[in-house]
Structure formats: structure tokens, C-alpha cells
């Protein structure tokens, strides 16, 4: 018996809009069929896990306890790209032998971009 991580699901107000933000950040596209209530990123490219966005009426308030971590040798370029796409810079960190920046996406979900 095995189990595999299939999706990272993000509750949101506008699934298509938030999926488009992450698709642009990762230089890819929203999968066909994306709409206001449900959208994915990565299925068309065969990626796993998929990023899945679902519109919910009762999004949990406060800090999200699960977040996305991105890594790139060009991390500063991607931080600038994220901000130009609508992300908000939260803080920079240099801890545990690693450097990363925490940002909030257009709906306030936190994510990090670090040096690869």
C-alpha cells in the first residue's frame, strides 16, 4: 500500500485569479477549465503535486499554518516578480544557514522565496 501527495489546496475568494498569480510567478499557465470557483496549476505539465485553488465562503482568518516555499538561484528576481504581480513583501530572514523572503499573495496567503 502507498500514498502520494496529490495536491496542495489553497482556499480562496477567487480561484481563477489566485491560480493566475501563481501560474505567472512560476512562468506557466492555469490548467484548462479554471474558473472563479475552482482552478489548478500544473496538471497540463504533468506536475505533482498540483496547486489547487478552491473558492470557499469561510476562509480561516489569521496566519496560514501551511505555506508554499519556492527556491531559485535567482531568488531576488522572483521576489521582484512576485511583487510586480501583486504580492506584498512581509519580511526577509537569514536563519539556520538559509536566506528567504516571506511574501503575501494577493489574497494574503503567506509564501516564501529562498535561495536555491
PDB file of N, CA and C in Angstrom:
ATOM      1  N   UNK A   1       0.833  -1.165   0.000  1.00  0.00           N
ATOM      2  CA  UNK A   1       0.000   0.000   0.000  1.00  0.00           C
ATOM      3  C   UNK A   1       0.889   1.243   0.000  1.00  0.00           C
ATOM      4  N   UNK A   2       0.554   2.261  -0.832  1.00  0.00           N
ATOM      5  CA  UNK A   2       1.311   3.511  -0.871  1.00  0.00           C
ATOM      6  C   UNK A   2       0.347   4.679  -0.891  1.00  0.00           C
ATOM      7  N   UNK A   3       0.860   5.821  -0.545  1.00  0.00           N
ATOM      8  CA  UNK A   3       0.091   7.053  -0.615  1.00  0.00           C
ATOM      9  C   UNK A   3       1.020   8.126  -1.156  1.00  0.00           C
ATOM     10  N   UNK A   4       0.467   9.042  -1.936  1.00  0.00           N
ATOM     11  CA  UNK A   4       1.273  10.106  -2.539  1.00  0.00           C
ATOM     12  C   UNK A   4       0.562  11.441  -2.363  1.00  0.00           C
ATOM     13  N   UNK A   5       1.333  12.490  -2.236  1.00  0.00           N
ATOM     14  CA  UNK A   5       0.780  13.831  -2.165  1.00  0.00           C
ATOM     15  C   UNK A   5       0.280  14.212  -3.553  1.00  0.00           C
ATOM     16  N   UNK A   6      -0.995  14.505  -3.680  1.00  0.00           N
ATOM     17  CA  UNK A   6      -1.590  14.796  -4.979  1.00  0.00           C
ATOM     18  C   UNK A   6      -1.737  16.290  -5.236  1.00  0.00           C
ATOM     19  N   UNK A   7      -2.161  17.047  -4.214  1.00  0.00           N
ATOM     20  CA  UNK A   7      -2.450  18.463  -4.392  1.00  0.00           C
ATOM     21  C   UNK A   7      -2.026  19.258  -3.164  1.00  0.00           C
ATOM     22  N   UNK A   8      -1.704  20.507  -3.389  1.00  0.00           N
ATOM     23  CA  UNK A   8      -1.616  21.494  -2.330  1.00  0.00           C
ATOM     24  C   UNK A   8      -2.795  22.413  -2.601  1.00  0.00           C
ATOM     25  N   UNK A   9      -3.782  22.396  -1.709  1.00  0.00           N
ATOM     26  CA  UNK A   9      -5.030  23.115  -1.931  1.00  0.00           C
ATOM     27  C   UNK A   9      -5.040  24.416  -1.149  1.00  0.00           C
ATOM     28  N   UNK A  10      -5.428  25.480  -1.831  1.00  0.00           N
ATOM     29  CA  UNK A  10      -5.482  26.801  -1.223  1.00  0.00           C
ATOM     30  C   UNK A  10      -6.917  27.297  -1.273  1.00  0.00           C
ATOM     31  N   UNK A  11      -7.514  27.511  -0.096  1.00  0.00           N
ATOM     32  CA  UNK A  11      -8.844  28.108  -0.022  1.00  0.00           C
ATOM     33  C   UNK A  11      -8.707  29.584  -0.367  1.00  0.00           C
ATOM     34  N   UNK A  12      -9.657  30.095  -1.151  1.00  0.00           N
ATOM     35  CA  UNK A  12      -9.519  31.479  -1.604  1.00  0.00           C
ATOM     36  C   UNK A  12     -10.875  32.074  -1.961  1.00  0.00           C
ATOM     37  N   UNK A  13     -10.875  33.351  -2.326  1.00  0.00           N
ATOM     38  CA  UNK A  13     -12.080  34.045  -2.752  1.00  0.00           C
ATOM     39  C   UNK A  13     -12.285  33.950  -4.254  1.00  0.00           C
ATOM     40  N   UNK A  14     -11.202  33.899  -5.030  1.00  0.00           N
ATOM     41  CA  UNK A  14     -11.289  33.846  -6.492  1.00  0.00           C
ATOM     42  C   UNK A  14     -10.260  32.844  -6.997  1.00  0.00           C
ATOM     43  N   UNK A  15     -10.699  31.632  -7.264  1.00  0.00           N
ATOM     44  CA  UNK A  15      -9.782  30.557  -7.649  1.00  0.00           C
ATOM     45  C   UNK A  15      -9.001  30.883  -8.916  1.00  0.00           C
ATOM     46  N   UNK A  16      -9.687  31.364  -9.933  1.00  0.00           N
ATOM     47  CA  UNK A  16      -9.006  31.654 -11.202  1.00  0.00           C
ATOM     48  C   UNK A  16      -7.987  32.773 -11.039  1.00  0.00           C
ATOM     49  N   UNK A  17      -8.335  33.803 -10.294  1.00  0.00           N
ATOM     50  CA  UNK A  17      -7.423  34.928 -10.102  1.00  0.00           C
ATOM     51  C   UNK A  17      -6.172  34.538  -9.332  1.00  0.00           C
ATOM     52  N   UNK A  18      -6.339  33.772  -8.256  1.00  0.00           N
ATOM     53  CA  UNK A  18      -5.178  33.379  -7.474  1.00  0.00           C
ATOM     54  C   UNK A  18      -4.336  32.348  -8.217  1.00  0.00           C
ATOM     55  N   UNK A  19      -4.986  31.447  -8.959  1.00  0.00           N
ATOM     56  CA  UNK A  19      -4.243  30.485  -9.778  1.00  0.00           C
ATOM     57  C   UNK A  19      -3.404  31.227 -10.816  1.00  0.00           C
ATOM     58  N   UNK A  20      -3.946  32.273 -11.396  1.00  0.00           N
ATOM     59  CA  UNK A  20      -3.207  33.056 -12.393  1.00  0.00           C
ATOM     60  C   UNK A  20      -1.986  33.717 -11.763  1.00  0.00           C
ATOM     61  N   UNK A  21      -2.100  34.228 -10.537  1.00  0.00           N
ATOM     62  CA  UNK A  21      -0.955  34.818  -9.844  1.00  0.00           C
ATOM     63  C   UNK A  21       0.178  33.797  -9.728  1.00  0.00           C
ATOM     64  N   UNK A  22      -0.132  32.591  -9.224  1.00  0.00           N
ATOM     65  CA  UNK A  22       0.912  31.581  -9.046  1.00  0.00           C
ATOM     66  C   UNK A  22       1.418  31.040 -10.380  1.00  0.00           C
ATOM     67  N   UNK A  23       0.552  30.913 -11.366  1.00  0.00           N
ATOM     68  CA  UNK A  23       0.993  30.459 -12.685  1.00  0.00           C
ATOM     69  C   UNK A  23       1.996  31.452 -13.269  1.00  0.00           C
ATOM     70  N   UNK A  24       1.699  32.744 -13.176  1.00  0.00           N
ATOM     71  CA  UNK A  24       2.635  33.750 -13.693  1.00  0.00           C
ATOM     72  C   UNK A  24       3.930  33.751 -12.906  1.00  0.00           C
ATOM     73  N   UNK A  25       3.849  33.617 -11.586  1.00  0.00           N
ATOM     74  CA  UNK A  25       5.060  33.582 -10.767  1.00  0.00           C
ATOM     75  C   UNK A  25       5.957  32.421 -11.182  1.00  0.00           C
ATOM     76  N   UNK A  26       5.359  31.272 -11.489  1.00  0.00           N
ATOM     77  CA  UNK A  26       6.125  30.078 -11.846  1.00  0.00           C
ATOM     78  C   UNK A  26       6.344  29.951 -13.354  1.00  0.00           C
ATOM     79  N   UNK A  27       5.956  30.996 -14.108  1.00  0.00           N
ATOM     80  CA  UNK A  27       6.145  31.025 -15.563  1.00  0.00           C
ATOM     81  C   UNK A  27       5.493  29.826 -16.246  1.00  0.00           C
ATOM     82  N   UNK A  28       4.231  29.596 -15.895  1.00  0.00           N
ATOM     83  CA  UNK A  28       3.445  28.523 -16.503  1.00  0.00           C
ATOM     84  C   UNK A  28       2.033  29.056 -16.726  1.00  0.00           C
ATOM     85  N   UNK A  29       1.073  28.187 -16.943  1.00  0.00           N
ATOM     86  CA  UNK A  29      -0.295  28.617 -17.182  1.00  0.00           C
ATOM     87  C   UNK A  29      -1.256  27.907 -16.236  1.00  0.00           C
ATOM     88  N   UNK A  30      -2.427  28.511 -16.090  1.00  0.00           N
ATOM     89  CA  UNK A  30      -3.521  27.861 -15.372  1.00  0.00           C
ATOM     90  C   UNK A  30      -4.026  26.735 -16.264  1.00  0.00           C
ATOM     91  N   UNK A  31      -4.330  25.592 -15.670  1.00  0.00           N
ATOM     92  CA  UNK A  31      -4.833  24.461 -16.450  1.00  0.00           C
ATOM     93  C   UNK A  31      -6.182  24.797 -17.075  1.00  0.00           C
ATOM     94  N   UNK A  32      -6.508  24.206 -18.232  1.00  0.00           N
ATOM     95  CA  UNK A  32      -7.799  24.445 -18.873  1.00  0.00           C
ATOM     96  C   UNK A  32      -8.957  24.160 -17.914  1.00  0.00           C
ATOM     97  N   UNK A  33      -9.996  24.955 -18.023  1.00  0.00           N
ATOM     98  CA  UNK A  33     -11.188  24.764 -17.210  1.00  0.00           C
ATOM     99  C   UNK A  33     -11.193  25.568 -15.923  1.00  0.00           C
ATOM    100  N   UNK A  34     -10.149  26.328 -15.673  1.00  0.00           N
ATOM    101  CA  UNK A  34     -10.095  27.129 -14.455  1.00  0.00           C
ATOM    102  C   UNK A  34     -11.192  28.177 -14.455  1.00  0.00           C
ATOM    103  N   UNK A  35     -11.815  28.379 -13.298  1.00  0.00           N
ATOM    104  CA  UNK A  35     -12.895  29.354 -13.177  1.00  0.00           C
ATOM    105  C   UNK A  35     -12.846  29.979 -11.790  1.00  0.00           C
ATOM    106  N   UNK A  36     -13.783  30.864 -11.521  1.00  0.00           N
ATOM    107  CA  UNK A  36     -13.835  31.588 -10.253  1.00  0.00           C
ATOM    108  C   UNK A  36     -13.889  30.648  -9.042  1.00  0.00           C
ATOM    109  N   UNK A  37     -14.515  29.482  -9.199  1.00  0.00           N
ATOM    110  CA  UNK A  37     -14.727  28.587  -8.072  1.00  0.00           C
ATOM    111  C   UNK A  37     -13.675  27.485  -7.920  1.00  0.00           C
ATOM    112  N   UNK A  38     -12.982  27.131  -9.011  1.00  0.00           N
ATOM    113  CA  UNK A  38     -12.019  26.030  -8.958  1.00  0.00           C
ATOM    114  C   UNK A  38     -11.004  26.186 -10.089  1.00  0.00           C
ATOM    115  N   UNK A  39      -9.730  26.033  -9.755  1.00  0.00           N
ATOM    116  CA  UNK A  39      -8.677  26.093 -10.773  1.00  0.00           C
ATOM    117  C   UNK A  39      -7.469  25.321 -10.274  1.00  0.00           C
ATOM    118  N   UNK A  40      -6.667  24.819 -11.216  1.00  0.00           N
ATOM    119  CA  UNK A  40      -5.423  24.133 -10.870  1.00  0.00           C
ATOM    120  C   UNK A  40      -4.285  24.674 -11.717  1.00  0.00           C
ATOM    121  N   UNK A  41      -3.073  24.456 -11.207  1.00  0.00           N
ATOM    122  CA  UNK A  41      -1.847  24.797 -11.925  1.00  0.00           C
ATOM    123  C   UNK A  41      -0.949  23.564 -11.846  1.00  0.00           C
ATOM    124  N   UNK A  42      -0.465  23.104 -12.991  1.00  0.00           N
ATOM    125  CA  UNK A  42       0.489  22.004 -13.031  1.00  0.00           C
ATOM    126  C   UNK A  42       0.007  20.743 -13.710  1.00  0.00           C
ATOM    127  N   UNK A  43      -1.308  20.537 -13.797  1.00  0.00           N
ATOM    128  CA  UNK A  43      -1.833  19.310 -14.390  1.00  0.00           C
ATOM    129  C   UNK A  43      -1.422  19.189 -15.852  1.00  0.00           C
ATOM    130  N   UNK A  44      -1.521  20.273 -16.599  1.00  0.00           N
ATOM    131  CA  UNK A  44      -1.163  20.251 -18.023  1.00  0.00           C
ATOM    132  C   UNK A  44       0.301  19.883 -18.241  1.00  0.00           C
ATOM    133  N   UNK A  45       1.150  20.236 -17.275  1.00  0.00           N
ATOM    134  CA  UNK A  45       2.583  19.957 -17.388  1.00  0.00           C
ATOM    135  C   UNK A  45       2.959  18.623 -16.743  1.00  0.00           C
ATOM    136  N   UNK A  46       1.985  17.920 -16.180  1.00  0.00           N
ATOM    137  CA  UNK A  46       2.271  16.645 -15.528  1.00  0.00           C
ATOM    138  C   UNK A  46       2.941  16.780 -14.175  1.00  0.00           C
ATOM    139  N   UNK A  47       2.833  17.943 -13.566  1.00  0.00           N
ATOM    140  CA  UNK A  47       3.487  18.189 -12.273  1.00  0.00           C
ATOM    141  C   UNK A  47       2.746  17.503 -11.133  1.00  0.00           C
ATOM    142  N   UNK A  48       3.489  17.107 -10.133  1.00  0.00           N
ATOM    143  CA  UNK A  48       2.894  16.655  -8.883  1.00  0.00           C
ATOM    144  C   UNK A  48       3.726  17.187  -7.735  1.00  0.00           C
ATOM    145  N   UNK A  49       3.134  17.694  -6.703  1.00  0.00           N
ATOM    146  CA  UNK A  49       1.690  17.844  -6.562  1.00  0.00           C
ATOM    147  C   UNK A  49       1.177  19.016  -7.391  1.00  0.00           C
ATOM    148  N   UNK A  50      -0.121  19.031  -7.610  1.00  0.00           N
ATOM    149  CA  UNK A  50      -0.766  20.160  -8.285  1.00  0.00           C
ATOM    150  C   UNK A  50      -1.032  21.256  -7.270  1.00  0.00           C
ATOM    151  N   UNK A  51      -1.067  22.483  -7.726  1.00  0.00           N
ATOM    152  CA  UNK A  51      -1.614  23.561  -6.915  1.00  0.00           C
ATOM    153  C   UNK A  51      -3.096  23.628  -7.259  1.00  0.00           C
ATOM    154  N   UNK A  52      -3.947  23.517  -6.249  1.00  0.00           N
ATOM    155  CA  UNK A  52      -5.397  23.529  -6.448  1.00  0.00           C
ATOM    156  C   UNK A  52      -5.982  24.698  -5.669  1.00  0.00           C
ATOM    157  N   UNK A  53      -6.847  25.459  -6.311  1.00  0.00           N
ATOM    158  CA  UNK A  53      -7.456  26.634  -5.712  1.00  0.00           C
ATOM    159  C   UNK A  53      -8.962  26.431  -5.686  1.00  0.00           C
ATOM    160  N   UNK A  54      -9.561  26.587  -4.511  1.00  0.00           N
ATOM    161  CA  UNK A  54     -10.991  26.364  -4.353  1.00  0.00           C
ATOM    162  C   UNK A  54     -11.603  27.558  -3.632  1.00  0.00           C
ATOM    163  N   UNK A  55     -12.660  28.118  -4.223  1.00  0.00           N
ATOM    164  CA  UNK A  55     -13.370  29.224  -3.591  1.00  0.00           C
ATOM    165  C   UNK A  55     -14.155  28.680  -2.401  1.00  0.00           C
ATOM    166  N   UNK A  56     -13.974  29.324  -1.247  1.00  0.00           N
ATOM    167  CA  UNK A  56     -14.704  28.943  -0.044  1.00  0.00           C
ATOM    168  C   UNK A  56     -15.329  30.185   0.578  1.00  0.00           C
ATOM    169  N   UNK A  57     -16.434  29.989   1.254  1.00  0.00           N
ATOM    170  CA  UNK A  57     -17.110  31.102   1.895  1.00  0.00           C
ATOM    171  C   UNK A  57     -16.645  31.353   3.317  1.00  0.00           C
ATOM    172  N   UNK A  58     -15.884  30.420   3.877  1.00  0.00           N
ATOM    173  CA  UNK A  58     -15.485  30.534   5.276  1.00  0.00           C
ATOM    174  C   UNK A  58     -13.983  30.350   5.461  1.00  0.00           C
ATOM    175  N   UNK A  59     -13.210  31.127   4.730  1.00  0.00           N
ATOM    176  CA  UNK A  59     -11.757  31.048   4.822  1.00  0.00           C
ATOM    177  C   UNK A  59     -11.307  31.327   6.245  1.00  0.00           C
ATOM    178  N   UNK A  60     -10.394  30.502   6.757  1.00  0.00           N
ATOM    179  CA  UNK A  60      -9.894  30.682   8.123  1.00  0.00           C
ATOM    180  C   UNK A  60      -9.157  32.003   8.245  1.00  0.00           C
ATOM    181  N   UNK A  61      -9.472  32.805   9.263  1.00  0.00           N
ATOM    182  CA  UNK A  61      -8.748  34.071   9.464  1.00  0.00           C
ATOM    183  C   UNK A  61      -7.384  33.823  10.101  1.00  0.00           C
ATOM    184  N   UNK A  62      -6.483  34.775   9.964  1.00  0.00           N
ATOM    185  CA  UNK A  62      -5.187  34.687  10.621  1.00  0.00           C
ATOM    186  C   UNK A  62      -4.122  34.042   9.759  1.00  0.00           C
ATOM    187  N   UNK A  63      -2.986  33.767  10.357  1.00  0.00           N
ATOM    188  CA  UNK A  63      -1.828  33.217   9.655  1.00  0.00           C
ATOM    189  C   UNK A  63      -2.096  31.786   9.210  1.00  0.00           C
ATOM    190  N   UNK A  64      -1.777  31.519   7.946  1.00  0.00           N
ATOM    191  CA  UNK A  64      -1.907  30.144   7.470  1.00  0.00           C
ATOM    192  C   UNK A  64      -0.754  29.310   8.022  1.00  0.00           C
ATOM    193  N   UNK A  65      -1.050  28.071   8.417  1.00  0.00           N
ATOM    194  CA  UNK A  65      -0.022  27.238   9.029  1.00  0.00           C
ATOM    195  C   UNK A  65       0.734  26.398   8.011  1.00  0.00           C
ATOM    196  N   UNK A  66       0.210  26.259   6.814  1.00  0.00           N
ATOM    197  CA  UNK A  66       0.908  25.594   5.718  1.00  0.00           C
ATOM    198  C   UNK A  66       1.125  26.655   4.650  1.00  0.00           C
ATOM    199  N   UNK A  67       2.329  26.705   4.124  1.00  0.00           N
ATOM    200  CA  UNK A  67       2.599  27.695   3.083  1.00  0.00           C
ATOM    201  C   UNK A  67       3.527  27.095   2.037  1.00  0.00           C
ATOM    202  N   UNK A  68       3.612  27.762   0.895  1.00  0.00           N
ATOM    203  CA  UNK A  68       4.466  27.312  -0.201  1.00  0.00           C
ATOM    204  C   UNK A  68       5.854  27.914  -0.039  1.00  0.00           C
ATOM    205  N   UNK A  69       6.882  27.103  -0.286  1.00  0.00           N
ATOM    206  CA  UNK A  69       8.268  27.563  -0.320  1.00  0.00           C
ATOM    207  C   UNK A  69       8.794  27.367  -1.735  1.00  0.00           C
ATOM    208  N   UNK A  70       9.236  28.444  -2.342  1.00  0.00           N
ATOM    209  CA  UNK A  70       9.865  28.392  -3.656  1.00  0.00           C
ATOM    210  C   UNK A  70      11.352  28.613  -3.472  1.00  0.00           C
ATOM    211  N   UNK A  71      12.164  28.054  -4.354  1.00  0.00           N
ATOM    212  CA  UNK A  71      13.611  28.243  -4.289  1.00  0.00           C
ATOM    213  C   UNK A  71      14.152  28.469  -5.686  1.00  0.00           C
ATOM    214  N   UNK A  72      15.096  29.405  -5.795  1.00  0.00           N
ATOM    215  CA  UNK A  72      15.706  29.705  -7.082  1.00  0.00           C
ATOM    216  C   UNK A  72      17.068  30.342  -6.858  1.00  0.00           C
ATOM    217  N   UNK A  73      17.994  30.059  -7.768  1.00  0.00           N
ATOM    218  CA  UNK A  73      19.290  30.742  -7.734  1.00  0.00           C
ATOM    219  C   UNK A  73      19.097  32.231  -8.022  1.00  0.00           C
ATOM    220  N   UNK A  74      18.004  32.577  -8.682  1.00  0.00           N
ATOM    221  CA  UNK A  74      17.670  33.977  -8.980  1.00  0.00           C
ATOM    222  C   UNK A  74      16.544  34.452  -8.056  1.00  0.00           C
ATOM    223  N   UNK A  75      16.659  34.171  -6.773  1.00  0.00           N
ATOM    224  CA  UNK A  75      15.575  34.458  -5.831  1.00  0.00           C
ATOM    225  C   UNK A  75      15.178  35.935  -5.825  1.00  0.00           C
ATOM    226  N   UNK A  76      16.139  36.849  -5.919  1.00  0.00           N
ATOM    227  CA  UNK A  76      15.805  38.271  -5.912  1.00  0.00           C
ATOM    228  C   UNK A  76      14.943  38.646  -7.115  1.00  0.00           C
ATOM    229  N   UNK A  77      15.233  38.057  -8.268  1.00  0.00           N
ATOM    230  CA  UNK A  77      14.419  38.315  -9.459  1.00  0.00           C
ATOM    231  C   UNK A  77      12.979  37.843  -9.242  1.00  0.00           C
ATOM    232  N   UNK A  78      12.831  36.673  -8.613  1.00  0.00           N
ATOM    233  CA  UNK A  78      11.492  36.138  -8.388  1.00  0.00           C
ATOM    234  C   UNK A  78      10.752  36.899  -7.295  1.00  0.00           C
ATOM    235  N   UNK A  79      11.460  37.428  -6.327  1.00  0.00           N
ATOM    236  CA  UNK A  79      10.822  38.272  -5.312  1.00  0.00           C
ATOM    237  C   UNK A  79      10.273  39.523  -5.979  1.00  0.00           C
ATOM    238  N   UNK A  80      11.080  40.153  -6.825  1.00  0.00           N
ATOM    239  CA  UNK A  80      10.615  41.336  -7.561  1.00  0.00           C
ATOM    240  C   UNK A  80       9.441  40.983  -8.467  1.00  0.00           C
ATOM    241  N   UNK A  81       9.506  39.827  -9.114  1.00  0.00           N
ATOM    242  CA  UNK A  81       8.415  39.386  -9.994  1.00  0.00           C
ATOM    243  C   UNK A  81       7.132  39.206  -9.193  1.00  0.00           C
ATOM    244  N   UNK A  82       7.229  38.553  -8.035  1.00  0.00           N
ATOM    245  CA  UNK A  82       6.051  38.331  -7.198  1.00  0.00           C
ATOM    246  C   UNK A  82       5.418  39.663  -6.799  1.00  0.00           C
ATOM    247  N   UNK A  83       6.243  40.618  -6.406  1.00  0.00           N
ATOM    248  CA  UNK A  83       5.726  41.926  -6.004  1.00  0.00           C
ATOM    249  C   UNK A  83       5.062  42.622  -7.188  1.00  0.00           C
ATOM    250  N   UNK A  84       5.663  42.521  -8.367  1.00  0.00           N
ATOM    251  CA  UNK A  84       5.070  43.153  -9.550  1.00  0.00           C
ATOM    252  C   UNK A  84       3.734  42.505  -9.931  1.00  0.00           C
ATOM    253  N   UNK A  85       3.538  41.246  -9.519  1.00  0.00           N
ATOM    254  CA  UNK A  85       2.280  40.544  -9.804  1.00  0.00           C
ATOM    255  C   UNK A  85       1.224  40.793  -8.726  1.00  0.00           C
ATOM    256  N   UNK A  86       1.585  41.510  -7.669  1.00  0.00           N
ATOM    257  CA  UNK A  86       0.608  41.846  -6.640  1.00  0.00           C
ATOM    258  C   UNK A  86       0.909  41.315  -5.252  1.00  0.00           C
ATOM    259  N   UNK A  87       2.046  40.659  -5.066  1.00  0.00           N
ATOM    260  CA  UNK A  87       2.404  40.171  -3.737  1.00  0.00           C
ATOM    261  C   UNK A  87       2.875  41.336  -2.858  1.00  0.00           C
ATOM    262  N   UNK A  88       2.778  41.134  -1.560  1.00  0.00           N
ATOM    263  CA  UNK A  88       3.248  42.125  -0.588  1.00  0.00           C
ATOM    264  C   UNK A  88       4.458  41.559   0.147  1.00  0.00           C
ATOM    265  N   UNK A  89       5.528  42.343   0.214  1.00  0.00           N
ATOM    266  CA  UNK A  89       6.732  41.946   0.946  1.00  0.00           C
ATOM    267  C   UNK A  89       6.423  41.986   2.436  1.00  0.00           C
ATOM    268  N   UNK A  90       6.691  40.885   3.143  1.00  0.00           N
ATOM    269  CA  UNK A  90       6.439  40.817   4.581  1.00  0.00           C
ATOM    270  C   UNK A  90       7.735  40.972   5.366  1.00  0.00           C
ATOM    271  N   UNK A  91       8.741  40.132   5.086  1.00  0.00           N
ATOM    272  CA  UNK A  91       9.995  40.199   5.843  1.00  0.00           C
ATOM    273  C   UNK A  91      11.074  39.376   5.161  1.00  0.00           C
ATOM    274  N   UNK A  92      12.325  39.713   5.463  1.00  0.00           N
ATOM    275  CA  UNK A  92      13.482  38.956   4.995  1.00  0.00           C
ATOM    276  C   UNK A  92      14.088  38.218   6.184  1.00  0.00           C
ATOM    277  N   UNK A  93      14.589  37.002   5.937  1.00  0.00           N
ATOM    278  CA  UNK A  93      15.145  36.173   7.001  1.00  0.00           C
ATOM    279  C   UNK A  93      16.500  35.618   6.590  1.00  0.00           C
ATOM    280  N   UNK A  94      17.389  35.491   7.559  1.00  0.00           N
ATOM    281  CA  UNK A  94      18.695  34.862   7.383  1.00  0.00           C
ATOM    282  C   UNK A  94      18.924  34.038   8.648  1.00  0.00           C
ATOM    283  N   UNK A  95      18.407  32.816   8.631  1.00  0.00           N
ATOM    284  CA  UNK A  95      18.448  31.959   9.815  1.00  0.00           C
ATOM    285  C   UNK A  95      18.744  30.524   9.408  1.00  0.00           C
ATOM    286  N   UNK A  96      19.281  29.767  10.336  1.00  0.00           N
ATOM    287  CA  UNK A  96      19.516  28.337  10.140  1.00  0.00           C
ATOM    288  C   UNK A  96      20.377  28.056   8.910  1.00  0.00           C
ATOM    289  N   UNK A  97      21.239  29.011   8.541  1.00  0.00           N
ATOM    290  CA  UNK A  97      22.092  28.843   7.376  1.00  0.00           C
ATOM    291  C   UNK A  97      21.366  29.039   6.059  1.00  0.00           C
ATOM    292  N   UNK A  98      20.176  29.621   6.100  1.00  0.00           N
ATOM    293  CA  UNK A  98      19.370  29.835   4.893  1.00  0.00           C
ATOM    294  C   UNK A  98      18.896  31.282   4.847  1.00  0.00           C
ATOM    295  N   UNK A  99      18.631  31.753   3.628  1.00  0.00           N
ATOM    296  CA  UNK A  99      18.077  33.092   3.424  1.00  0.00           C
ATOM    297  C   UNK A  99      16.792  32.960   2.633  1.00  0.00           C
ATOM    298  N   UNK A 100      15.745  33.678   3.074  1.00  0.00           N
ATOM    299  CA  UNK A 100      14.492  33.659   2.342  1.00  0.00           C
ATOM    300  C   UNK A 100      13.701  34.923   2.639  1.00  0.00           C
ATOM    301  N   UNK A 101      12.727  35.171   1.785  1.00  0.00           N
ATOM    302  CA  UNK A 101      11.822  36.298   1.940  1.00  0.00           C
ATOM    303  C   UNK A 101      10.406  35.759   2.048  1.00  0.00           C
ATOM    304  N   UNK A 102       9.661  36.276   3.011  1.00  0.00           N
ATOM    305  CA  UNK A 102       8.254  35.930   3.154  1.00  0.00           C
ATOM    306  C   UNK A 102       7.428  37.019   2.499  1.00  0.00           C
ATOM    307  N   UNK A 103       6.478  36.577   1.683  1.00  0.00           N
ATOM    308  CA  UNK A 103       5.572  37.480   0.986  1.00  0.00           C
ATOM    309  C   UNK A 103       4.138  37.024   1.237  1.00  0.00           C
ATOM    310  N   UNK A 104       3.186  37.886   0.903  1.00  0.00           N
ATOM    311  CA  UNK A 104       1.770  37.524   0.944  1.00  0.00           C
ATOM    312  C   UNK A 104       1.227  37.652  -0.471  1.00  0.00           C
ATOM    313  N   UNK A 105       0.497  36.636  -0.934  1.00  0.00           N
ATOM    314  CA  UNK A 105      -0.096  36.701  -2.266  1.00  0.00           C
ATOM    315  C   UNK A 105      -1.254  37.707  -2.257  1.00  0.00           C
ATOM    316  N   UNK A 106      -1.899  37.959  -3.404  1.00  0.00           N
ATOM    317  CA  UNK A 106      -2.948  38.978  -3.455  1.00  0.00           C
ATOM    318  C   UNK A 106      -4.122  38.751  -2.496  1.00  0.00           C
ATOM    319  N   UNK A 107      -4.301  37.512  -2.002  1.00  0.00           N
ATOM    320  CA  UNK A 107      -5.369  37.257  -1.036  1.00  0.00           C
ATOM    321  C   UNK A 107      -4.849  37.138   0.396  1.00  0.00           C
ATOM    322  N   UNK A 108      -3.549  37.427   0.599  1.00  0.00           N
ATOM    323  CA  UNK A 108      -2.990  37.443   1.938  1.00  0.00           C
ATOM    324  C   UNK A 108      -2.360  36.142   2.418  1.00  0.00           C
ATOM    325  N   UNK A 109      -2.341  35.100   1.571  1.00  0.00           N
ATOM    326  CA  UNK A 109      -1.695  33.846   1.940  1.00  0.00           C
ATOM    327  C   UNK A 109      -0.183  34.017   1.905  1.00  0.00           C
ATOM    328  N   UNK A 110       0.504  33.572   2.958  1.00  0.00           N
ATOM    329  CA  UNK A 110       1.954  33.716   3.025  1.00  0.00           C
ATOM    330  C   UNK A 110       2.654  32.649   2.199  1.00  0.00           C
ATOM    331  N   UNK A 111       3.777  33.027   1.581  1.00  0.00           N
ATOM    332  CA  UNK A 111       4.658  32.090   0.882  1.00  0.00           C
ATOM    333  C   UNK A 111       6.073  32.639   0.960  1.00  0.00           C
ATOM    334  N   UNK A 112       7.052  31.759   0.740  1.00  0.00           N
ATOM    335  CA  UNK A 112       8.453  32.155   0.837  1.00  0.00           C
ATOM    336  C   UNK A 112       9.158  31.927  -0.495  1.00  0.00           C
ATOM    337  N   UNK A 113      10.156  32.784  -0.749  1.00  0.00           N
ATOM    338  CA  UNK A 113      11.073  32.574  -1.867  1.00  0.00           C
ATOM    339  C   UNK A 113      12.480  32.633  -1.280  1.00  0.00           C
ATOM    340  N   UNK A 114      13.230  31.547  -1.458  1.00  0.00           N
ATOM    341  CA  UNK A 114      14.570  31.459  -0.915  1.00  0.00           C
ATOM    342  C   UNK A 114      15.603  31.191  -1.976  1.00  0.00           C
ATOM    343  N   UNK A 115      16.853  31.267  -1.576  1.00  0.00           N
ATOM    344  CA  UNK A 115      17.961  30.970  -2.484  1.00  0.00           C
ATOM    345  C   UNK A 115      18.118  29.468  -2.612  1.00  0.00           C
ATOM    346  N   UNK A 116      18.276  29.000  -3.843  1.00  0.00           N
ATOM    347  CA  UNK A 116      18.479  27.573  -4.087  1.00  0.00           C
ATOM    348  C   UNK A 116      19.933  27.219  -3.919  1.00  0.00           C
TER     349      UNK A 116
END
